[in-house]
Amino acid sequence: MGKGKVFAVLVLFVLMAGCATTSDFDITKANMDKGLNSCLGKLTKDRLIMLASTPTERVKLADGEIWIYKYRKSVVKTTTTGNGSLLFPLESESKTHDYALDVRLRFDDNGILNSWSYKGNITAFNHPFKDIMCK
């Protein structure tokens, strides 16, 4: 196989990997948007506790309350390579990747969800908000 063909195949794999990541993010974000938007004006605090447990933080407001769910995790990836040395034939390198997601839900005086937002990496967590739906 010529150098041009090898390069073209490598570029294709890189593009496919990039599309898969973007697609996963888009699907997760679309599910979260659709689910939580379907809950606006319907979801109560009591029902949310049943679905997602108690929030990490609660902030009282004059006209309601904000519930904040915080998700955190660290992933350590270790790679080991051979360096050809007689005394130390293998080298290991570890990299830590930290992920965070904050989901904020604003409730009115009656305890009904009226807005929401999030900040962080939604694909890194198995959080209940990615699958939530209200009828």
N, C-alpha and C. Protein backbone atom coordinates (compact mmCIF):
# COMPACT_ATOMS: atom_id res chain seq x y z
N MET A 1 0.85 -1.17 0.00
CA MET A 1 0.00 0.00 0.00
C MET A 1 0.90 1.24 0.00
N GLY A 2 0.58 2.21 -0.85
CA GLY A 2 1.38 3.41 -0.95
C GLY A 2 1.22 4.33 0.25
N LYS A 3 2.16 5.26 0.38
CA LYS A 3 2.11 6.20 1.51
C LYS A 3 0.84 7.05 1.49
N GLY A 4 0.38 7.42 0.29
CA GLY A 4 -0.83 8.23 0.18
C GLY A 4 -2.06 7.48 0.67
N LYS A 5 -2.14 6.18 0.35
CA LYS A 5 -3.29 5.39 0.79
C LYS A 5 -3.27 5.19 2.30
N VAL A 6 -2.07 4.95 2.85
CA VAL A 6 -1.96 4.77 4.30
C VAL A 6 -2.39 6.05 5.00
N PHE A 7 -1.94 7.20 4.50
CA PHE A 7 -2.32 8.48 5.08
C PHE A 7 -3.83 8.69 5.01
N ALA A 8 -4.42 8.37 3.86
CA ALA A 8 -5.87 8.54 3.69
C ALA A 8 -6.65 7.66 4.67
N VAL A 9 -6.20 6.43 4.87
CA VAL A 9 -6.87 5.53 5.81
C VAL A 9 -6.76 6.06 7.24
N LEU A 10 -5.57 6.56 7.60
CA LEU A 10 -5.38 7.13 8.94
C LEU A 10 -6.28 8.34 9.16
N VAL A 11 -6.38 9.21 8.17
CA VAL A 11 -7.25 10.39 8.28
C VAL A 11 -8.70 9.96 8.44
N LEU A 12 -9.11 8.94 7.71
CA LEU A 12 -10.48 8.44 7.82
C LEU A 12 -10.77 7.93 9.22
N PHE A 13 -9.84 7.17 9.82
CA PHE A 13 -10.04 6.67 11.18
C PHE A 13 -10.14 7.81 12.18
N VAL A 14 -9.30 8.82 12.04
CA VAL A 14 -9.33 9.97 12.95
C VAL A 14 -10.67 10.69 12.83
N LEU A 15 -11.14 10.89 11.61
CA LEU A 15 -12.43 11.57 11.41
C LEU A 15 -13.57 10.76 11.98
N MET A 16 -13.53 9.45 11.80
CA MET A 16 -14.60 8.60 12.34
C MET A 16 -14.60 8.63 13.87
N ALA A 17 -13.43 8.60 14.48
CA ALA A 17 -13.35 8.65 15.94
C ALA A 17 -13.88 9.99 16.45
N GLY A 18 -13.55 11.07 15.79
CA GLY A 18 -14.03 12.39 16.18
C GLY A 18 -15.54 12.50 16.06
N CYS A 19 -16.10 11.93 15.01
CA CYS A 19 -17.55 11.97 14.81
C CYS A 19 -18.27 11.16 15.88
N ALA A 20 -17.70 10.02 16.27
CA ALA A 20 -18.35 9.19 17.29
C ALA A 20 -18.43 9.94 18.61
N THR A 21 -17.37 10.63 18.99
CA THR A 21 -17.35 11.37 20.24
C THR A 21 -18.38 12.50 20.19
N THR A 22 -18.39 13.25 19.10
CA THR A 22 -19.33 14.34 18.96
C THR A 22 -20.76 13.80 18.97
N SER A 23 -20.98 12.70 18.29
CA SER A 23 -22.31 12.12 18.23
C SER A 23 -22.79 11.68 19.61
N ASP A 24 -21.91 11.04 20.39
CA ASP A 24 -22.27 10.62 21.74
C ASP A 24 -22.68 11.83 22.58
N PHE A 25 -21.90 12.91 22.47
CA PHE A 25 -22.21 14.13 23.21
C PHE A 25 -23.56 14.70 22.77
N ASP A 26 -23.76 14.78 21.46
CA ASP A 26 -25.00 15.34 20.93
C ASP A 26 -26.22 14.54 21.37
N ILE A 27 -26.10 13.21 21.33
CA ILE A 27 -27.23 12.35 21.73
C ILE A 27 -27.52 12.53 23.22
N THR A 28 -26.48 12.51 24.05
CA THR A 28 -26.67 12.66 25.49
C THR A 28 -27.26 14.03 25.81
N LYS A 29 -26.73 15.09 25.19
CA LYS A 29 -27.25 16.43 25.43
C LYS A 29 -28.69 16.56 24.95
N ALA A 30 -29.00 15.99 23.79
CA ALA A 30 -30.37 16.05 23.27
C ALA A 30 -31.33 15.31 24.20
N ASN A 31 -30.94 14.15 24.71
CA ASN A 31 -31.79 13.41 25.65
C ASN A 31 -32.03 14.21 26.92
N MET A 32 -30.96 14.83 27.43
CA MET A 32 -31.09 15.61 28.66
C MET A 32 -31.98 16.83 28.42
N ASP A 33 -31.76 17.52 27.30
CA ASP A 33 -32.59 18.68 26.96
C ASP A 33 -34.06 18.28 26.83
N LYS A 34 -34.31 17.23 26.08
CA LYS A 34 -35.69 16.78 25.85
C LYS A 34 -36.35 16.36 27.17
N GLY A 35 -35.61 15.59 27.97
CA GLY A 35 -36.17 15.09 29.22
C GLY A 35 -36.47 16.19 30.22
N LEU A 36 -35.48 17.03 30.51
CA LEU A 36 -35.70 18.08 31.51
C LEU A 36 -36.65 19.15 31.00
N ASN A 37 -36.63 19.45 29.71
CA ASN A 37 -37.60 20.42 29.18
C ASN A 37 -39.02 19.88 29.30
N SER A 38 -39.19 18.55 29.18
CA SER A 38 -40.54 17.97 29.33
C SER A 38 -41.02 18.05 30.78
N CYS A 39 -40.10 18.30 31.71
CA CYS A 39 -40.44 18.36 33.14
C CYS A 39 -40.73 19.78 33.63
N LEU A 40 -40.44 20.78 32.81
CA LEU A 40 -40.69 22.16 33.23
C LEU A 40 -42.18 22.35 33.53
N GLY A 41 -42.47 22.88 34.71
CA GLY A 41 -43.84 23.11 35.13
C GLY A 41 -44.55 21.87 35.65
N LYS A 42 -43.84 20.73 35.71
CA LYS A 42 -44.47 19.48 36.13
C LYS A 42 -43.72 18.78 37.27
N LEU A 43 -42.41 18.78 37.21
CA LEU A 43 -41.61 18.00 38.15
C LEU A 43 -41.57 18.66 39.53
N THR A 44 -41.92 17.89 40.54
CA THR A 44 -41.89 18.38 41.92
C THR A 44 -40.59 17.95 42.61
N LYS A 45 -40.28 18.61 43.70
CA LYS A 45 -39.09 18.25 44.47
C LYS A 45 -39.18 16.80 44.98
N ASP A 46 -40.35 16.42 45.48
CA ASP A 46 -40.53 15.06 45.99
C ASP A 46 -40.29 14.02 44.91
N ARG A 47 -40.82 14.26 43.73
CA ARG A 47 -40.63 13.32 42.61
C ARG A 47 -39.16 13.26 42.20
N LEU A 48 -38.49 14.41 42.20
CA LEU A 48 -37.08 14.44 41.82
C LEU A 48 -36.22 13.65 42.81
N ILE A 49 -36.53 13.75 44.08
CA ILE A 49 -35.79 12.96 45.08
C ILE A 49 -35.96 11.48 44.79
N MET A 50 -37.15 11.06 44.36
CA MET A 50 -37.38 9.66 44.01
C MET A 50 -36.54 9.24 42.80
N LEU A 51 -36.34 10.15 41.85
CA LEU A 51 -35.60 9.84 40.62
C LEU A 51 -34.09 10.00 40.75
N ALA A 52 -33.66 11.01 41.49
CA ALA A 52 -32.24 11.36 41.48
C ALA A 52 -31.60 11.48 42.86
N SER A 53 -32.32 11.17 43.92
CA SER A 53 -31.81 11.29 45.28
C SER A 53 -31.76 12.76 45.70
N THR A 54 -31.21 13.02 46.87
CA THR A 54 -31.14 14.39 47.37
C THR A 54 -30.02 15.16 46.67
N PRO A 55 -30.18 16.46 46.53
CA PRO A 55 -29.14 17.24 45.85
C PRO A 55 -27.90 17.42 46.71
N THR A 56 -26.80 17.75 46.06
CA THR A 56 -25.55 18.03 46.76
C THR A 56 -25.66 19.33 47.55
N GLU A 57 -26.30 20.32 46.93
CA GLU A 57 -26.48 21.63 47.57
C GLU A 57 -27.90 22.13 47.32
N ARG A 58 -28.37 22.97 48.25
CA ARG A 58 -29.65 23.66 48.09
C ARG A 58 -29.41 25.13 48.39
N VAL A 59 -29.92 25.99 47.51
CA VAL A 59 -29.77 27.43 47.68
C VAL A 59 -31.17 28.04 47.76
N LYS A 60 -31.50 28.63 48.92
CA LYS A 60 -32.81 29.26 49.12
C LYS A 60 -32.84 30.60 48.39
N LEU A 61 -33.96 30.88 47.76
CA LEU A 61 -34.18 32.15 47.09
C LEU A 61 -35.47 32.76 47.63
N ALA A 62 -35.67 34.03 47.36
CA ALA A 62 -36.88 34.70 47.82
C ALA A 62 -38.13 34.09 47.17
N ASP A 63 -38.00 33.63 45.93
CA ASP A 63 -39.16 33.09 45.21
C ASP A 63 -39.00 31.61 44.85
N GLY A 64 -38.23 30.87 45.62
CA GLY A 64 -38.06 29.44 45.35
C GLY A 64 -36.75 28.89 45.88
N GLU A 65 -36.20 27.96 45.13
CA GLU A 65 -34.99 27.28 45.58
C GLU A 65 -34.25 26.70 44.37
N ILE A 66 -32.93 26.64 44.46
CA ILE A 66 -32.12 26.01 43.44
C ILE A 66 -31.49 24.77 44.06
N TRP A 67 -31.64 23.64 43.36
CA TRP A 67 -31.00 22.40 43.77
C TRP A 67 -29.83 22.14 42.82
N ILE A 68 -28.70 21.80 43.40
CA ILE A 68 -27.49 21.56 42.60
C ILE A 68 -27.03 20.12 42.84
N TYR A 69 -26.91 19.38 41.75
CA TYR A 69 -26.37 18.03 41.79
C TYR A 69 -24.96 18.09 41.21
N LYS A 70 -23.97 17.63 42.00
CA LYS A 70 -22.57 17.67 41.57
C LYS A 70 -22.05 16.24 41.40
N TYR A 71 -21.51 16.00 40.22
CA TYR A 71 -20.91 14.71 39.92
C TYR A 71 -19.43 14.93 39.64
N ARG A 72 -18.58 14.09 40.24
CA ARG A 72 -17.13 14.19 40.07
C ARG A 72 -16.55 12.80 39.91
N LYS A 73 -15.52 12.70 39.07
CA LYS A 73 -14.77 11.45 39.00
C LYS A 73 -13.42 11.71 38.35
N SER A 74 -12.47 10.87 38.72
CA SER A 74 -11.13 10.91 38.14
C SER A 74 -10.85 9.55 37.52
N VAL A 75 -10.25 9.57 36.36
CA VAL A 75 -9.88 8.34 35.68
C VAL A 75 -8.37 8.38 35.46
N VAL A 76 -7.69 7.33 35.92
CA VAL A 76 -6.24 7.24 35.74
C VAL A 76 -5.98 6.25 34.61
N LYS A 77 -5.24 6.71 33.60
CA LYS A 77 -4.86 5.85 32.48
C LYS A 77 -3.35 5.66 32.53
N THR A 78 -2.93 4.40 32.58
CA THR A 78 -1.52 4.07 32.65
C THR A 78 -1.11 3.38 31.35
N THR A 79 -0.02 3.85 30.77
CA THR A 79 0.54 3.20 29.59
C THR A 79 1.95 2.73 29.91
N THR A 80 2.28 1.53 29.44
CA THR A 80 3.59 0.96 29.67
C THR A 80 4.23 0.70 28.31
N THR A 81 5.48 1.15 28.17
CA THR A 81 6.21 0.97 26.92
C THR A 81 7.58 0.40 27.22
N GLY A 82 8.10 -0.33 26.25
CA GLY A 82 9.47 -0.84 26.37
C GLY A 82 10.44 0.18 25.83
N ASN A 83 11.56 0.38 26.55
CA ASN A 83 12.54 1.37 26.10
C ASN A 83 13.87 0.74 25.69
N GLY A 84 13.96 -0.59 25.78
CA GLY A 84 15.18 -1.27 25.34
C GLY A 84 16.30 -1.29 26.35
N SER A 85 16.10 -0.70 27.52
CA SER A 85 17.14 -0.66 28.54
C SER A 85 17.26 -2.03 29.20
N LEU A 86 18.49 -2.40 29.56
CA LEU A 86 18.73 -3.69 30.20
C LEU A 86 18.25 -3.68 31.66
N LEU A 87 18.52 -2.61 32.40
CA LEU A 87 18.15 -2.55 33.81
C LEU A 87 16.67 -2.23 34.01
N PHE A 88 16.15 -1.34 33.22
CA PHE A 88 14.74 -0.94 33.32
C PHE A 88 14.08 -1.06 31.94
N PRO A 89 13.67 -2.28 31.55
CA PRO A 89 13.17 -2.49 30.18
C PRO A 89 11.79 -1.88 29.91
N LEU A 90 11.06 -1.55 30.95
CA LEU A 90 9.72 -1.00 30.76
C LEU A 90 9.60 0.35 31.47
N GLU A 91 8.85 1.24 30.85
CA GLU A 91 8.54 2.52 31.47
C GLU A 91 7.03 2.67 31.52
N SER A 92 6.53 3.14 32.63
CA SER A 92 5.09 3.37 32.78
C SER A 92 4.84 4.85 33.00
N GLU A 93 3.75 5.32 32.42
CA GLU A 93 3.35 6.71 32.59
C GLU A 93 1.87 6.74 32.90
N SER A 94 1.49 7.47 33.92
CA SER A 94 0.08 7.58 34.31
C SER A 94 -0.39 9.01 34.10
N LYS A 95 -1.60 9.13 33.58
CA LYS A 95 -2.23 10.43 33.40
C LYS A 95 -3.60 10.38 34.07
N THR A 96 -3.91 11.41 34.82
CA THR A 96 -5.20 11.50 35.49
C THR A 96 -6.09 12.48 34.74
N HIS A 97 -7.31 12.05 34.47
CA HIS A 97 -8.29 12.91 33.82
C HIS A 97 -9.42 13.13 34.81
N ASP A 98 -9.68 14.39 35.13
CA ASP A 98 -10.75 14.74 36.07
C ASP A 98 -11.97 15.22 35.29
N TYR A 99 -13.13 14.72 35.69
CA TYR A 99 -14.38 15.07 35.03
C TYR A 99 -15.33 15.66 36.08
N ALA A 100 -16.11 16.64 35.64
CA ALA A 100 -17.07 17.28 36.54
C ALA A 100 -18.35 17.58 35.78
N LEU A 101 -19.46 17.49 36.49
CA LEU A 101 -20.76 17.87 35.95
C LEU A 101 -21.59 18.46 37.08
N ASP A 102 -22.13 19.65 36.87
CA ASP A 102 -23.06 20.28 37.81
C ASP A 102 -24.39 20.49 37.10
N VAL A 103 -25.45 19.97 37.67
CA VAL A 103 -26.80 20.17 37.14
C VAL A 103 -27.56 21.03 38.15
N ARG A 104 -28.08 22.18 37.68
CA ARG A 104 -28.81 23.13 38.53
C ARG A 104 -30.27 23.13 38.13
N LEU A 105 -31.13 22.94 39.11
CA LEU A 105 -32.57 22.90 38.89
C LEU A 105 -33.24 23.95 39.76
N ARG A 106 -34.00 24.86 39.13
CA ARG A 106 -34.64 25.94 39.87
C ARG A 106 -36.12 25.64 40.05
N PHE A 107 -36.55 25.68 41.31
CA PHE A 107 -37.94 25.42 41.67
C PHE A 107 -38.61 26.71 42.12
N ASP A 108 -39.91 26.83 41.84
CA ASP A 108 -40.65 28.01 42.30
C ASP A 108 -41.11 27.80 43.74
N ASP A 109 -41.91 28.74 44.25
CA ASP A 109 -42.42 28.67 45.63
C ASP A 109 -43.24 27.41 45.91
N ASN A 110 -43.87 26.88 44.88
CA ASN A 110 -44.71 25.69 45.04
C ASN A 110 -43.92 24.39 44.90
N GLY A 111 -42.60 24.49 44.70
CA GLY A 111 -41.77 23.30 44.57
C GLY A 111 -41.86 22.64 43.21
N ILE A 112 -42.16 23.43 42.16
CA ILE A 112 -42.27 22.93 40.79
C ILE A 112 -41.08 23.45 39.97
N LEU A 113 -40.47 22.56 39.18
CA LEU A 113 -39.32 22.92 38.35
C LEU A 113 -39.72 23.97 37.32
N ASN A 114 -38.97 25.10 37.27
CA ASN A 114 -39.28 26.11 36.26
C ASN A 114 -38.10 26.46 35.36
N SER A 115 -36.88 26.01 35.68
CA SER A 115 -35.74 26.17 34.77
C SER A 115 -34.61 25.26 35.23
N TRP A 116 -33.66 25.03 34.34
CA TRP A 116 -32.53 24.16 34.66
C TRP A 116 -31.35 24.54 33.78
N SER A 117 -30.17 24.15 34.21
CA SER A 117 -28.96 24.33 33.41
C SER A 117 -27.92 23.32 33.87
N TYR A 118 -26.89 23.16 33.09
CA TYR A 118 -25.80 22.28 33.49
C TYR A 118 -24.49 22.87 33.01
N LYS A 119 -23.42 22.41 33.64
CA LYS A 119 -22.07 22.82 33.26
C LYS A 119 -21.17 21.61 33.46
N GLY A 120 -20.42 21.25 32.44
CA GLY A 120 -19.48 20.14 32.58
C GLY A 120 -19.65 19.09 31.52
N ASN A 121 -19.06 17.94 31.78
CA ASN A 121 -19.01 16.83 30.84
C ASN A 121 -20.17 15.86 31.10
N ILE A 122 -21.21 15.95 30.30
CA ILE A 122 -22.40 15.13 30.55
C ILE A 122 -22.21 13.69 30.11
N THR A 123 -21.26 13.41 29.22
CA THR A 123 -21.08 12.04 28.74
C THR A 123 -20.22 11.20 29.67
N ALA A 124 -19.53 11.81 30.62
CA ALA A 124 -18.62 11.07 31.50
C ALA A 124 -19.33 10.40 32.68
N PHE A 125 -20.60 10.70 32.86
CA PHE A 125 -21.30 10.23 34.05
C PHE A 125 -22.57 9.47 33.69
N ASN A 126 -22.92 8.54 34.54
CA ASN A 126 -24.19 7.84 34.42
C ASN A 126 -25.17 8.51 35.39
N HIS A 127 -25.57 9.73 35.07
CA HIS A 127 -26.43 10.51 35.94
C HIS A 127 -27.89 10.32 35.54
N PRO A 128 -28.81 10.49 36.47
CA PRO A 128 -30.22 10.23 36.19
C PRO A 128 -30.86 11.25 35.24
N PHE A 129 -30.24 12.40 35.03
CA PHE A 129 -30.87 13.43 34.21
C PHE A 129 -30.79 13.14 32.72
N LYS A 130 -29.94 12.21 32.33
CA LYS A 130 -29.84 11.91 30.90
C LYS A 130 -31.02 11.09 30.41
N ASP A 131 -31.75 10.43 31.32
CA ASP A 131 -32.87 9.58 30.93
C ASP A 131 -34.21 10.02 31.52
N ILE A 132 -34.25 11.15 32.20
CA ILE A 132 -35.47 11.58 32.88
C ILE A 132 -36.50 12.08 31.86
N MET A 133 -37.75 11.74 32.07
CA MET A 133 -38.84 12.22 31.22
C MET A 133 -40.08 12.46 32.10
N CYS A 134 -40.83 13.50 31.80
CA CYS A 134 -42.07 13.78 32.52
C CYS A 134 -43.22 13.74 31.52
N LYS A 135 -44.34 13.24 31.99
CA LYS A 135 -45.52 13.13 31.11
C LYS A 135 -46.49 14.23 31.40
